[in-house]
Each structure stands twice: as C-alpha cells, then as structure tokens.
C-alpha cells in the first residue's frame, strides 16, 4: 500500500516536471479578423514577403477559416495550437496584440510572422 502511494506521488511529480511551462496558462481567444503571414525580406527587396495560402481568418469562438477550409484552435496563455482543419498542428506564439510568430518543431520561435490586418465584418 505504501509503495503504491509513493509510486502515485512520483508519477504526479514527473508529470508536473515534464509539462511545458510556456503552454500553461489561461484559455483565451485570438482577436477576430484576418491574419496575413509573411517571412522577413532582405535589404535588396521587400521588407516582408507574404506567404500565399498561409493567411487565415479568426471567426467567432475558437474557430478559423482558410481558403482550404476551416477548423478550430486552442489558445492557452500566449501559445496558439491549431487542433483541427487544414492548419492542424501549427503552433504560434502571441507576441503582442495582433502579432503571432511561428513555433518550430524544436520549440523555438521561427521566422514566419502573422499579423492581423483588421477586424472581420
């Protein structure tokens, strides 16, 4: 009996230690509107290079729409994870109001940034 209690306690501690700190937080929603995604340009051309097909529109609740279809997302703290639809698996970090940055598979911030271009009608 004592061994079971110790095993359960150790399992709980291990679960707490392995959960990502950035992902913990209050569930919230993104601001409604259309988000355009772009990569940084260079000094010889445009400052930003829009990425065709990466734009999305945040609808009511936790849903989004793209030219390829719609889906849902989860926003916990500052981290956004698209859970269903054509963007499933994409992770973004909210940097400021209306500005998101891609989170790579390695957990580091990537180069792609998405900004809200305006409220949805």
PDB file of N, CA and C in Angstrom:
ATOM      1  N   UNK A   1       0.825  -1.189   0.000  1.00  0.00           N
ATOM      2  CA  UNK A   1       0.000   0.000   0.000  1.00  0.00           C
ATOM      3  C   UNK A   1       0.871   1.256   0.000  1.00  0.00           C
ATOM      4  N   UNK A   2       1.892   1.234   0.845  1.00  0.00           N
ATOM      5  CA  UNK A   2       2.777   2.379   0.945  1.00  0.00           C
ATOM      6  C   UNK A   2       3.550   2.582  -0.358  1.00  0.00           C
ATOM      7  N   UNK A   3       3.924   1.494  -1.023  1.00  0.00           N
ATOM      8  CA  UNK A   3       4.636   1.565  -2.294  1.00  0.00           C
ATOM      9  C   UNK A   3       3.755   2.177  -3.379  1.00  0.00           C
ATOM     10  N   UNK A   4       2.463   1.832  -3.398  1.00  0.00           N
ATOM     11  CA  UNK A   4       1.533   2.406  -4.375  1.00  0.00           C
ATOM     12  C   UNK A   4       1.396   3.911  -4.201  1.00  0.00           C
ATOM     13  N   UNK A   5       1.291   4.370  -2.963  1.00  0.00           N
ATOM     14  CA  UNK A   5       1.165   5.804  -2.699  1.00  0.00           C
ATOM     15  C   UNK A   5       2.418   6.544  -3.155  1.00  0.00           C
ATOM     16  N   UNK A   6       3.581   5.935  -2.899  1.00  0.00           N
ATOM     17  CA  UNK A   6       4.831   6.549  -3.324  1.00  0.00           C
ATOM     18  C   UNK A   6       4.927   6.584  -4.847  1.00  0.00           C
ATOM     19  N   UNK A   7       4.519   5.526  -5.509  1.00  0.00           N
ATOM     20  CA  UNK A   7       4.533   5.470  -6.971  1.00  0.00           C
ATOM     21  C   UNK A   7       3.618   6.526  -7.569  1.00  0.00           C
ATOM     22  N   UNK A   8       2.444   6.685  -7.001  1.00  0.00           N
ATOM     23  CA  UNK A   8       1.490   7.684  -7.490  1.00  0.00           C
ATOM     24  C   UNK A   8       2.060   9.088  -7.296  1.00  0.00           C
ATOM     25  N   UNK A   9       2.654   9.352  -6.144  1.00  0.00           N
ATOM     26  CA  UNK A   9       3.227  10.667  -5.869  1.00  0.00           C
ATOM     27  C   UNK A   9       4.359  10.974  -6.847  1.00  0.00           C
ATOM     28  N   UNK A  10       5.236  10.003  -7.108  1.00  0.00           N
ATOM     29  CA  UNK A  10       6.332  10.207  -8.048  1.00  0.00           C
ATOM     30  C   UNK A  10       5.824  10.436  -9.466  1.00  0.00           C
ATOM     31  N   UNK A  11       4.778   9.722  -9.856  1.00  0.00           N
ATOM     32  CA  UNK A  11       4.195   9.907 -11.187  1.00  0.00           C
ATOM     33  C   UNK A  11       3.617  11.308 -11.331  1.00  0.00           C
ATOM     34  N   UNK A  12       2.967  11.814 -10.290  1.00  0.00           N
ATOM     35  CA  UNK A  12       2.405  13.172 -10.331  1.00  0.00           C
ATOM     36  C   UNK A  12       3.506  14.221 -10.449  1.00  0.00           C
ATOM     37  N   UNK A  13       4.578  14.047  -9.698  1.00  0.00           N
ATOM     38  CA  UNK A  13       5.692  14.989  -9.758  1.00  0.00           C
ATOM     39  C   UNK A  13       6.338  14.965 -11.137  1.00  0.00           C
ATOM     40  N   UNK A  14       6.514  13.764 -11.687  1.00  0.00           N
ATOM     41  CA  UNK A  14       7.104  13.639 -13.022  1.00  0.00           C
ATOM     42  C   UNK A  14       6.226  14.334 -14.063  1.00  0.00           C
ATOM     43  N   UNK A  15       4.919  14.214 -13.942  1.00  0.00           N
ATOM     44  CA  UNK A  15       4.006  14.877 -14.867  1.00  0.00           C
ATOM     45  C   UNK A  15       4.113  16.388 -14.798  1.00  0.00           C
ATOM     46  N   UNK A  16       4.275  16.912 -13.603  1.00  0.00           N
ATOM     47  CA  UNK A  16       4.429  18.357 -13.447  1.00  0.00           C
ATOM     48  C   UNK A  16       5.741  18.853 -14.021  1.00  0.00           C
ATOM     49  N   UNK A  17       6.803  18.086 -13.864  1.00  0.00           N
ATOM     50  CA  UNK A  17       8.108  18.497 -14.353  1.00  0.00           C
ATOM     51  C   UNK A  17       8.219  18.431 -15.866  1.00  0.00           C
ATOM     52  N   UNK A  18       7.442  17.563 -16.515  1.00  0.00           N
ATOM     53  CA  UNK A  18       7.556  17.417 -17.963  1.00  0.00           C
ATOM     54  C   UNK A  18       6.585  18.283 -18.742  1.00  0.00           C
ATOM     55  N   UNK A  19       5.660  18.965 -18.091  1.00  0.00           N
ATOM     56  CA  UNK A  19       4.723  19.813 -18.823  1.00  0.00           C
ATOM     57  C   UNK A  19       5.413  21.105 -19.232  1.00  0.00           C
ATOM     58  N   UNK A  20       5.221  21.556 -20.492  1.00  0.00           N
ATOM     59  CA  UNK A  20       5.901  22.772 -20.945  1.00  0.00           C
ATOM     60  C   UNK A  20       5.365  24.013 -20.235  1.00  0.00           C
ATOM     61  N   UNK A  21       6.268  24.806 -19.708  1.00  0.00           N
ATOM     62  CA  UNK A  21       5.859  25.996 -18.962  1.00  0.00           C
ATOM     63  C   UNK A  21       5.211  27.036 -19.852  1.00  0.00           C
ATOM     64  N   UNK A  22       5.676  27.168 -21.104  1.00  0.00           N
ATOM     65  CA  UNK A  22       5.101  28.162 -21.999  1.00  0.00           C
ATOM     66  C   UNK A  22       3.649  27.865 -22.320  1.00  0.00           C
ATOM     67  N   UNK A  23       3.261  26.602 -22.281  1.00  0.00           N
ATOM     68  CA  UNK A  23       1.912  26.228 -22.673  1.00  0.00           C
ATOM     69  C   UNK A  23       0.919  26.416 -21.537  1.00  0.00           C
ATOM     70  N   UNK A  24       1.402  26.573 -20.324  1.00  0.00           N
ATOM     71  CA  UNK A  24       0.487  26.682 -19.202  1.00  0.00           C
ATOM     72  C   UNK A  24      -0.068  28.089 -19.115  1.00  0.00           C
ATOM     73  N   UNK A  25      -1.340  28.173 -18.839  1.00  0.00           N
ATOM     74  CA  UNK A  25      -1.950  29.483 -18.709  1.00  0.00           C
ATOM     75  C   UNK A  25      -3.444  29.408 -18.909  1.00  0.00           C
ATOM     76  N   UNK A  26      -4.034  30.539 -18.910  1.00  0.00           N
ATOM     77  CA  UNK A  26      -5.468  30.679 -19.032  1.00  0.00           C
ATOM     78  C   UNK A  26      -5.907  30.506 -20.485  1.00  0.00           C
ATOM     79  N   UNK A  27      -7.031  29.819 -20.690  1.00  0.00           N
ATOM     80  CA  UNK A  27      -7.574  29.662 -22.038  1.00  0.00           C
ATOM     81  C   UNK A  27      -8.193  30.983 -22.478  1.00  0.00           C
ATOM     82  N   UNK A  28      -7.811  31.443 -23.660  1.00  0.00           N
ATOM     83  CA  UNK A  28      -8.328  32.702 -24.201  1.00  0.00           C
ATOM     84  C   UNK A  28      -8.619  32.524 -25.683  1.00  0.00           C
ATOM     85  N   UNK A  29      -8.998  33.612 -26.335  1.00  0.00           N
ATOM     86  CA  UNK A  29      -9.299  33.599 -27.768  1.00  0.00           C
ATOM     87  C   UNK A  29      -8.466  34.654 -28.477  1.00  0.00           C
ATOM     88  N   UNK A  30      -8.144  34.394 -29.730  1.00  0.00           N
ATOM     89  CA  UNK A  30      -7.485  35.398 -30.560  1.00  0.00           C
ATOM     90  C   UNK A  30      -8.497  36.461 -30.960  1.00  0.00           C
ATOM     91  N   UNK A  31      -7.999  37.655 -31.253  1.00  0.00           N
ATOM     92  CA  UNK A  31      -8.867  38.712 -31.770  1.00  0.00           C
ATOM     93  C   UNK A  31      -9.386  38.294 -33.148  1.00  0.00           C
ATOM     94  N   UNK A  32     -10.668  38.569 -33.381  1.00  0.00           N
ATOM     95  CA  UNK A  32     -11.268  38.235 -34.673  1.00  0.00           C
ATOM     96  C   UNK A  32     -10.661  39.099 -35.766  1.00  0.00           C
ATOM     97  N   UNK A  33     -10.576  38.520 -36.968  1.00  0.00           N
ATOM     98  CA  UNK A  33     -10.049  39.244 -38.106  1.00  0.00           C
ATOM     99  C   UNK A  33      -9.206  38.357 -38.986  1.00  0.00           C
ATOM    100  N   UNK A  34      -8.681  38.939 -40.051  1.00  0.00           N
ATOM    101  CA  UNK A  34      -7.848  38.215 -40.995  1.00  0.00           C
ATOM    102  C   UNK A  34      -6.378  38.414 -40.630  1.00  0.00           C
ATOM    103  N   UNK A  35      -5.626  37.327 -40.629  1.00  0.00           N
ATOM    104  CA  UNK A  35      -4.200  37.343 -40.322  1.00  0.00           C
ATOM    105  C   UNK A  35      -3.427  36.985 -41.590  1.00  0.00           C
ATOM    106  N   UNK A  36      -2.490  37.840 -41.961  1.00  0.00           N
ATOM    107  CA  UNK A  36      -1.622  37.626 -43.118  1.00  0.00           C
ATOM    108  C   UNK A  36      -0.260  37.174 -42.584  1.00  0.00           C
ATOM    109  N   UNK A  37       0.296  36.130 -43.178  1.00  0.00           N
ATOM    110  CA  UNK A  37       1.577  35.595 -42.723  1.00  0.00           C
ATOM    111  C   UNK A  37       2.674  35.921 -43.733  1.00  0.00           C
ATOM    112  N   UNK A  38       3.851  36.246 -43.221  1.00  0.00           N
ATOM    113  CA  UNK A  38       4.965  36.647 -44.074  1.00  0.00           C
ATOM    114  C   UNK A  38       6.286  36.235 -43.446  1.00  0.00           C
ATOM    115  N   UNK A  39       7.288  36.138 -44.304  1.00  0.00           N
ATOM    116  CA  UNK A  39       8.666  35.909 -43.882  1.00  0.00           C
ATOM    117  C   UNK A  39       9.440  37.209 -44.060  1.00  0.00           C
ATOM    118  N   UNK A  40      10.494  37.414 -43.276  1.00  0.00           N
ATOM    119  CA  UNK A  40      11.297  38.633 -43.456  1.00  0.00           C
ATOM    120  C   UNK A  40      11.929  38.659 -44.834  1.00  0.00           C
ATOM    121  N   UNK A  41      11.975  39.837 -45.435  1.00  0.00           N
ATOM    122  CA  UNK A  41      12.636  40.022 -46.727  1.00  0.00           C
ATOM    123  C   UNK A  41      14.106  40.325 -46.512  1.00  0.00           C
ATOM    124  N   UNK A  42      14.673  41.088 -47.427  1.00  0.00           N
ATOM    125  CA  UNK A  42      16.074  41.497 -47.276  1.00  0.00           C
ATOM    126  C   UNK A  42      16.242  42.935 -47.755  1.00  0.00           C
ATOM    127  N   UNK A  43      17.454  43.440 -47.633  1.00  0.00           N
ATOM    128  CA  UNK A  43      17.727  44.841 -47.955  1.00  0.00           C
ATOM    129  C   UNK A  43      17.584  45.149 -49.438  1.00  0.00           C
ATOM    130  N   UNK A  44      17.630  44.141 -50.296  1.00  0.00           N
ATOM    131  CA  UNK A  44      17.551  44.382 -51.735  1.00  0.00           C
ATOM    132  C   UNK A  44      16.119  44.378 -52.269  1.00  0.00           C
ATOM    133  N   UNK A  45      15.169  44.014 -51.430  1.00  0.00           N
ATOM    134  CA  UNK A  45      13.793  43.931 -51.893  1.00  0.00           C
ATOM    135  C   UNK A  45      12.814  44.346 -50.818  1.00  0.00           C
ATOM    136  N   UNK A  46      11.700  43.677 -50.809  1.00  0.00           N
ATOM    137  CA  UNK A  46      10.632  43.971 -49.859  1.00  0.00           C
ATOM    138  C   UNK A  46      11.050  43.594 -48.434  1.00  0.00           C
ATOM    139  N   UNK A  47      10.566  44.369 -47.461  1.00  0.00           N
ATOM    140  CA  UNK A  47      10.872  44.084 -46.062  1.00  0.00           C
ATOM    141  C   UNK A  47      10.194  42.797 -45.597  1.00  0.00           C
ATOM    142  N   UNK A  48       9.011  42.499 -46.149  1.00  0.00           N
ATOM    143  CA  UNK A  48       8.270  41.290 -45.804  1.00  0.00           C
ATOM    144  C   UNK A  48       7.801  40.611 -47.070  1.00  0.00           C
ATOM    145  N   UNK A  49       7.843  39.290 -47.090  1.00  0.00           N
ATOM    146  CA  UNK A  49       7.393  38.513 -48.231  1.00  0.00           C
ATOM    147  C   UNK A  49       6.191  37.691 -47.792  1.00  0.00           C
ATOM    148  N   UNK A  50       4.990  38.141 -48.235  1.00  0.00           N
ATOM    149  CA  UNK A  50       3.769  37.417 -47.858  1.00  0.00           C
ATOM    150  C   UNK A  50       3.816  35.991 -48.377  1.00  0.00           C
ATOM    151  N   UNK A  51       3.292  35.069 -47.579  1.00  0.00           N
ATOM    152  CA  UNK A  51       3.269  33.655 -47.921  1.00  0.00           C
ATOM    153  C   UNK A  51       1.858  33.283 -48.371  1.00  0.00           C
ATOM    154  N   UNK A  52       1.691  33.155 -49.677  1.00  0.00           N
ATOM    155  CA  UNK A  52       0.369  32.834 -50.236  1.00  0.00           C
ATOM    156  C   UNK A  52      -0.130  31.510 -49.663  1.00  0.00           C
ATOM    157  N   UNK A  53      -1.395  31.487 -49.310  1.00  0.00           N
ATOM    158  CA  UNK A  53      -2.009  30.280 -48.784  1.00  0.00           C
ATOM    159  C   UNK A  53      -1.833  30.088 -47.291  1.00  0.00           C
ATOM    160  N   UNK A  54      -1.100  30.952 -46.612  1.00  0.00           N
ATOM    161  CA  UNK A  54      -0.891  30.821 -45.164  1.00  0.00           C
ATOM    162  C   UNK A  54      -1.818  31.732 -44.367  1.00  0.00           C
ATOM    163  N   UNK A  55      -2.595  32.591 -45.053  1.00  0.00           N
ATOM    164  CA  UNK A  55      -3.486  33.509 -44.344  1.00  0.00           C
ATOM    165  C   UNK A  55      -4.647  32.727 -43.728  1.00  0.00           C
ATOM    166  N   UNK A  56      -5.198  33.293 -42.658  1.00  0.00           N
ATOM    167  CA  UNK A  56      -6.358  32.675 -42.005  1.00  0.00           C
ATOM    168  C   UNK A  56      -7.199  33.767 -41.372  1.00  0.00           C
ATOM    169  N   UNK A  57      -8.470  33.455 -41.151  1.00  0.00           N
ATOM    170  CA  UNK A  57      -9.399  34.392 -40.529  1.00  0.00           C
ATOM    171  C   UNK A  57      -9.954  33.767 -39.259  1.00  0.00           C
ATOM    172  N   UNK A  58      -9.864  34.505 -38.164  1.00  0.00           N
ATOM    173  CA  UNK A  58     -10.416  34.035 -36.896  1.00  0.00           C
ATOM    174  C   UNK A  58     -11.896  34.405 -36.881  1.00  0.00           C
ATOM    175  N   UNK A  59     -12.718  33.379 -36.712  1.00  0.00           N
ATOM    176  CA  UNK A  59     -14.165  33.540 -36.653  1.00  0.00           C
ATOM    177  C   UNK A  59     -14.575  33.665 -35.184  1.00  0.00           C
ATOM    178  N   UNK A  60     -15.853  33.557 -34.888  1.00  0.00           N
ATOM    179  CA  UNK A  60     -16.320  33.566 -33.511  1.00  0.00           C
ATOM    180  C   UNK A  60     -15.849  32.330 -32.764  1.00  0.00           C
ATOM    181  N   UNK A  61     -15.712  32.446 -31.451  1.00  0.00           N
ATOM    182  CA  UNK A  61     -15.276  31.316 -30.639  1.00  0.00           C
ATOM    183  C   UNK A  61     -13.842  30.947 -30.969  1.00  0.00           C
ATOM    184  N   UNK A  62     -13.557  29.666 -30.970  1.00  0.00           N
ATOM    185  CA  UNK A  62     -12.189  29.211 -31.254  1.00  0.00           C
ATOM    186  C   UNK A  62     -12.106  28.562 -32.630  1.00  0.00           C
ATOM    187  N   UNK A  63     -12.726  29.200 -33.616  1.00  0.00           N
ATOM    188  CA  UNK A  63     -12.697  28.647 -34.973  1.00  0.00           C
ATOM    189  C   UNK A  63     -11.983  29.603 -35.925  1.00  0.00           C
ATOM    190  N   UNK A  64     -11.468  29.016 -36.995  1.00  0.00           N
ATOM    191  CA  UNK A  64     -10.764  29.801 -38.012  1.00  0.00           C
ATOM    192  C   UNK A  64     -11.183  29.306 -39.387  1.00  0.00           C
ATOM    193  N   UNK A  65     -10.864  30.098 -40.401  1.00  0.00           N
ATOM    194  CA  UNK A  65     -11.180  29.741 -41.778  1.00  0.00           C
ATOM    195  C   UNK A  65      -9.980  30.079 -42.653  1.00  0.00           C
ATOM    196  N   UNK A  66      -9.728  29.238 -43.659  1.00  0.00           N
ATOM    197  CA  UNK A  66      -8.667  29.474 -44.644  1.00  0.00           C
ATOM    198  C   UNK A  66      -9.264  29.214 -46.025  1.00  0.00           C
ATOM    199  N   UNK A  67      -8.529  29.537 -47.086  1.00  0.00           N
ATOM    200  CA  UNK A  67      -9.022  29.200 -48.424  1.00  0.00           C
ATOM    201  C   UNK A  67      -9.206  27.687 -48.622  1.00  0.00           C
ATOM    202  N   UNK A  68      -8.516  26.865 -47.810  1.00  0.00           N
ATOM    203  CA  UNK A  68      -8.618  25.408 -47.925  1.00  0.00           C
ATOM    204  C   UNK A  68      -9.665  24.798 -47.003  1.00  0.00           C
ATOM    205  N   UNK A  69     -10.330  25.621 -46.172  1.00  0.00           N
ATOM    206  CA  UNK A  69     -11.345  25.116 -45.243  1.00  0.00           C
ATOM    207  C   UNK A  69     -11.135  25.673 -43.856  1.00  0.00           C
ATOM    208  N   UNK A  70     -12.005  25.279 -42.950  1.00  0.00           N
ATOM    209  CA  UNK A  70     -11.960  25.799 -41.594  1.00  0.00           C
ATOM    210  C   UNK A  70     -11.560  24.761 -40.576  1.00  0.00           C
ATOM    211  N   UNK A  71     -11.428  25.215 -39.336  1.00  0.00           N
ATOM    212  CA  UNK A  71     -11.061  24.321 -38.251  1.00  0.00           C
ATOM    213  C   UNK A  71     -11.153  25.039 -36.921  1.00  0.00           C
ATOM    214  N   UNK A  72     -10.502  24.464 -35.917  1.00  0.00           N
ATOM    215  CA  UNK A  72     -10.513  25.032 -34.571  1.00  0.00           C
ATOM    216  C   UNK A  72      -9.085  25.188 -34.056  1.00  0.00           C
ATOM    217  N   UNK A  73      -8.942  26.030 -33.039  1.00  0.00           N
ATOM    218  CA  UNK A  73      -7.657  26.244 -32.393  1.00  0.00           C
ATOM    219  C   UNK A  73      -7.851  26.321 -30.897  1.00  0.00           C
ATOM    220  N   UNK A  74      -6.770  26.178 -30.162  1.00  0.00           N
ATOM    221  CA  UNK A  74      -6.758  26.304 -28.714  1.00  0.00           C
ATOM    222  C   UNK A  74      -5.690  27.324 -28.364  1.00  0.00           C
ATOM    223  N   UNK A  75      -6.060  28.312 -27.558  1.00  0.00           N
ATOM    224  CA  UNK A  75      -5.086  29.312 -27.118  1.00  0.00           C
ATOM    225  C   UNK A  75      -4.970  29.225 -25.609  1.00  0.00           C
ATOM    226  N   UNK A  76      -3.793  28.819 -25.160  1.00  0.00           N
ATOM    227  CA  UNK A  76      -3.529  28.693 -23.733  1.00  0.00           C
ATOM    228  C   UNK A  76      -2.372  29.612 -23.387  1.00  0.00           C
ATOM    229  N   UNK A  77      -2.652  30.605 -22.576  1.00  0.00           N
ATOM    230  CA  UNK A  77      -1.629  31.613 -22.297  1.00  0.00           C
ATOM    231  C   UNK A  77      -1.341  32.382 -23.569  1.00  0.00           C
ATOM    232  N   UNK A  78      -0.093  32.364 -24.023  1.00  0.00           N
ATOM    233  CA  UNK A  78       0.287  33.052 -25.262  1.00  0.00           C
ATOM    234  C   UNK A  78       0.473  32.084 -26.426  1.00  0.00           C
ATOM    235  N   UNK A  79       0.313  30.784 -26.173  1.00  0.00           N
ATOM    236  CA  UNK A  79       0.539  29.789 -27.224  1.00  0.00           C
ATOM    237  C   UNK A  79      -0.775  29.401 -27.903  1.00  0.00           C
ATOM    238  N   UNK A  80      -0.747  29.392 -29.244  1.00  0.00           N
ATOM    239  CA  UNK A  80      -1.901  29.012 -30.060  1.00  0.00           C
ATOM    240  C   UNK A  80      -1.561  27.709 -30.776  1.00  0.00           C
ATOM    241  N   UNK A  81      -2.446  26.718 -30.657  1.00  0.00           N
ATOM    242  CA  UNK A  81      -2.262  25.442 -31.348  1.00  0.00           C
ATOM    243  C   UNK A  81      -3.513  25.180 -32.171  1.00  0.00           C
ATOM    244  N   UNK A  82      -3.338  24.998 -33.471  1.00  0.00           N
ATOM    245  CA  UNK A  82      -4.462  24.675 -34.338  1.00  0.00           C
ATOM    246  C   UNK A  82      -4.731  23.176 -34.209  1.00  0.00           C
ATOM    247  N   UNK A  83      -5.946  22.832 -33.802  1.00  0.00           N
ATOM    248  CA  UNK A  83      -6.256  21.451 -33.425  1.00  0.00           C
ATOM    249  C   UNK A  83      -7.029  20.673 -34.482  1.00  0.00           C
ATOM    250  N   UNK A  84      -7.736  21.351 -35.364  1.00  0.00           N
ATOM    251  CA  UNK A  84      -8.492  20.692 -36.430  1.00  0.00           C
ATOM    252  C   UNK A  84      -8.427  21.527 -37.689  1.00  0.00           C
ATOM    253  N   UNK A  85      -8.629  20.860 -38.823  1.00  0.00           N
ATOM    254  CA  UNK A  85      -8.677  21.563 -40.096  1.00  0.00           C
ATOM    255  C   UNK A  85      -7.333  21.593 -40.793  1.00  0.00           C
ATOM    256  N   UNK A  86      -7.231  22.420 -41.843  1.00  0.00           N
ATOM    257  CA  UNK A  86      -6.027  22.434 -42.679  1.00  0.00           C
ATOM    258  C   UNK A  86      -4.770  22.931 -41.959  1.00  0.00           C
ATOM    259  N   UNK A  87      -4.909  23.641 -40.871  1.00  0.00           N
ATOM    260  CA  UNK A  87      -3.737  24.134 -40.131  1.00  0.00           C
ATOM    261  C   UNK A  87      -3.411  23.265 -38.910  1.00  0.00           C
ATOM    262  N   UNK A  88      -4.029  22.110 -38.819  1.00  0.00           N
ATOM    263  CA  UNK A  88      -3.830  21.231 -37.661  1.00  0.00           C
ATOM    264  C   UNK A  88      -2.334  21.003 -37.409  1.00  0.00           C
ATOM    265  N   UNK A  89      -1.942  21.212 -36.154  1.00  0.00           N
ATOM    266  CA  UNK A  89      -0.552  21.012 -35.756  1.00  0.00           C
ATOM    267  C   UNK A  89       0.302  22.260 -35.788  1.00  0.00           C
ATOM    268  N   UNK A  90      -0.171  23.321 -36.435  1.00  0.00           N
ATOM    269  CA  UNK A  90       0.590  24.578 -36.482  1.00  0.00           C
ATOM    270  C   UNK A  90       0.545  25.223 -35.098  1.00  0.00           C
ATOM    271  N   UNK A  91       1.711  25.693 -34.638  1.00  0.00           N
ATOM    272  CA  UNK A  91       1.799  26.363 -33.338  1.00  0.00           C
ATOM    273  C   UNK A  91       2.329  27.775 -33.547  1.00  0.00           C
ATOM    274  N   UNK A  92       1.703  28.725 -32.866  1.00  0.00           N
ATOM    275  CA  UNK A  92       2.104  30.130 -32.930  1.00  0.00           C
ATOM    276  C   UNK A  92       2.198  30.695 -31.522  1.00  0.00           C
ATOM    277  N   UNK A  93       3.033  31.723 -31.353  1.00  0.00           N
ATOM    278  CA  UNK A  93       3.154  32.420 -30.082  1.00  0.00           C
ATOM    279  C   UNK A  93       2.643  33.842 -30.265  1.00  0.00           C
ATOM    280  N   UNK A  94       1.764  34.282 -29.373  1.00  0.00           N
ATOM    281  CA  UNK A  94       1.268  35.656 -29.413  1.00  0.00           C
ATOM    282  C   UNK A  94       2.352  36.572 -28.855  1.00  0.00           C
ATOM    283  N   UNK A  95       2.883  37.455 -29.704  1.00  0.00           N
ATOM    284  CA  UNK A  95       3.924  38.388 -29.283  1.00  0.00           C
ATOM    285  C   UNK A  95       3.330  39.667 -28.725  1.00  0.00           C
ATOM    286  N   UNK A  96       2.311  40.161 -29.413  1.00  0.00           N
ATOM    287  CA  UNK A  96       1.598  41.356 -28.983  1.00  0.00           C
ATOM    288  C   UNK A  96       0.217  41.303 -29.631  1.00  0.00           C
ATOM    289  N   UNK A  97      -0.607  42.253 -29.339  1.00  0.00           N
ATOM    290  CA  UNK A  97      -1.952  42.256 -29.902  1.00  0.00           C
ATOM    291  C   UNK A  97      -1.901  42.225 -31.425  1.00  0.00           C
ATOM    292  N   UNK A  98      -2.423  41.158 -32.007  1.00  0.00           N
ATOM    293  CA  UNK A  98      -2.481  41.047 -33.457  1.00  0.00           C
ATOM    294  C   UNK A  98      -1.208  40.575 -34.121  1.00  0.00           C
ATOM    295  N   UNK A  99      -0.180  40.181 -33.367  1.00  0.00           N
ATOM    296  CA  UNK A  99       1.074  39.712 -33.950  1.00  0.00           C
ATOM    297  C   UNK A  99       1.436  38.349 -33.375  1.00  0.00           C
ATOM    298  N   UNK A 100       1.560  37.364 -34.268  1.00  0.00           N
ATOM    299  CA  UNK A 100       1.886  35.992 -33.886  1.00  0.00           C
ATOM    300  C   UNK A 100       3.177  35.573 -34.578  1.00  0.00           C
ATOM    301  N   UNK A 101       3.933  34.677 -33.943  1.00  0.00           N
ATOM    302  CA  UNK A 101       5.142  34.140 -34.560  1.00  0.00           C
ATOM    303  C   UNK A 101       5.116  32.622 -34.462  1.00  0.00           C
ATOM    304  N   UNK A 102       5.535  31.984 -35.545  1.00  0.00           N
ATOM    305  CA  UNK A 102       5.536  30.529 -35.635  1.00  0.00           C
ATOM    306  C   UNK A 102       6.462  29.911 -34.581  1.00  0.00           C
ATOM    307  N   UNK A 103       6.027  28.773 -34.027  1.00  0.00           N
ATOM    308  CA  UNK A 103       6.862  27.977 -33.135  1.00  0.00           C
ATOM    309  C   UNK A 103       7.259  26.732 -33.921  1.00  0.00           C
ATOM    310  N   UNK A 104       8.547  26.508 -34.074  1.00  0.00           N
ATOM    311  CA  UNK A 104       9.043  25.365 -34.828  1.00  0.00           C
ATOM    312  C   UNK A 104       8.877  24.058 -34.071  1.00  0.00           C
ATOM    313  N   UNK A 105       9.148  22.968 -34.742  1.00  0.00           N
ATOM    314  CA  UNK A 105       9.058  21.642 -34.118  1.00  0.00           C
ATOM    315  C   UNK A 105      10.040  21.489 -32.968  1.00  0.00           C
ATOM    316  N   UNK A 106      11.110  22.287 -33.001  1.00  0.00           N
ATOM    317  CA  UNK A 106      12.103  22.241 -31.928  1.00  0.00           C
ATOM    318  C   UNK A 106      11.702  23.100 -30.724  1.00  0.00           C
ATOM    319  N   UNK A 107      10.526  23.763 -30.815  1.00  0.00           N
ATOM    320  CA  UNK A 107      10.041  24.598 -29.725  1.00  0.00           C
ATOM    321  C   UNK A 107      10.561  26.025 -29.752  1.00  0.00           C
ATOM    322  N   UNK A 108      11.415  26.348 -30.714  1.00  0.00           N
ATOM    323  CA  UNK A 108      11.965  27.701 -30.822  1.00  0.00           C
ATOM    324  C   UNK A 108      11.124  28.521 -31.792  1.00  0.00           C
ATOM    325  N   UNK A 109      11.157  29.831 -31.600  1.00  0.00           N
ATOM    326  CA  UNK A 109      10.421  30.715 -32.493  1.00  0.00           C
ATOM    327  C   UNK A 109      11.032  30.675 -33.888  1.00  0.00           C
ATOM    328  N   UNK A 110      10.170  30.550 -34.893  1.00  0.00           N
ATOM    329  CA  UNK A 110      10.610  30.510 -36.274  1.00  0.00           C
ATOM    330  C   UNK A 110      10.589  31.887 -36.913  1.00  0.00           C
ATOM    331  N   UNK A 111      10.773  31.939 -38.217  1.00  0.00           N
ATOM    332  CA  UNK A 111      10.841  33.209 -38.945  1.00  0.00           C
ATOM    333  C   UNK A 111       9.473  33.727 -39.368  1.00  0.00           C
ATOM    334  N   UNK A 112       8.492  32.830 -39.547  1.00  0.00           N
ATOM    335  CA  UNK A 112       7.173  33.227 -40.039  1.00  0.00           C
ATOM    336  C   UNK A 112       6.419  34.029 -38.982  1.00  0.00           C
ATOM    337  N   UNK A 113       5.886  35.178 -39.412  1.00  0.00           N
ATOM    338  CA  UNK A 113       5.060  36.013 -38.520  1.00  0.00           C
ATOM    339  C   UNK A 113       3.726  36.271 -39.192  1.00  0.00           C
ATOM    340  N   UNK A 114       2.677  36.302 -38.379  1.00  0.00           N
ATOM    341  CA  UNK A 114       1.331  36.566 -38.884  1.00  0.00           C
ATOM    342  C   UNK A 114       0.782  37.777 -38.132  1.00  0.00           C
ATOM    343  N   UNK A 115       0.242  38.732 -38.889  1.00  0.00           N
ATOM    344  CA  UNK A 115      -0.318  39.925 -38.242  1.00  0.00           C
ATOM    345  C   UNK A 115      -1.765  40.120 -38.690  1.00  0.00           C
ATOM    346  N   UNK A 116      -2.546  40.631 -37.760  1.00  0.00           N
ATOM    347  CA  UNK A 116      -3.965  40.880 -38.033  1.00  0.00           C
ATOM    348  C   UNK A 116      -4.085  42.138 -38.863  1.00  0.00           C
ATOM    349  N   UNK A 117      -4.829  42.009 -39.986  1.00  0.00           N
ATOM    350  CA  UNK A 117      -4.951  43.153 -40.892  1.00  0.00           C
ATOM    351  C   UNK A 117      -6.192  43.980 -40.617  1.00  0.00           C
ATOM    352  N   UNK A 118      -7.082  43.492 -39.808  1.00  0.00           N
ATOM    353  CA  UNK A 118      -8.285  44.243 -39.490  1.00  0.00           C
ATOM    354  C   UNK A 118      -9.356  43.337 -38.942  1.00  0.00           C
ATOM    355  N   UNK A 119     -10.324  43.937 -38.313  1.00  0.00           N
ATOM    356  CA  UNK A 119     -11.429  43.169 -37.732  1.00  0.00           C
ATOM    357  C   UNK A 119     -12.296  42.588 -38.833  1.00  0.00           C
ATOM    358  N   UNK A 120     -12.883  41.453 -38.556  1.00  0.00           N
ATOM    359  CA  UNK A 120     -13.787  40.809 -39.504  1.00  0.00           C
ATOM    360  C   UNK A 120     -15.146  41.463 -39.379  1.00  0.00           C
ATOM    361  N   UNK A 121     -15.809  41.646 -40.513  1.00  0.00           N
ATOM    362  CA  UNK A 121     -17.159  42.256 -40.509  1.00  0.00           C
ATOM    363  C   UNK A 121     -18.182  41.303 -39.978  1.00  0.00           C
TER     364      UNK A 121
END
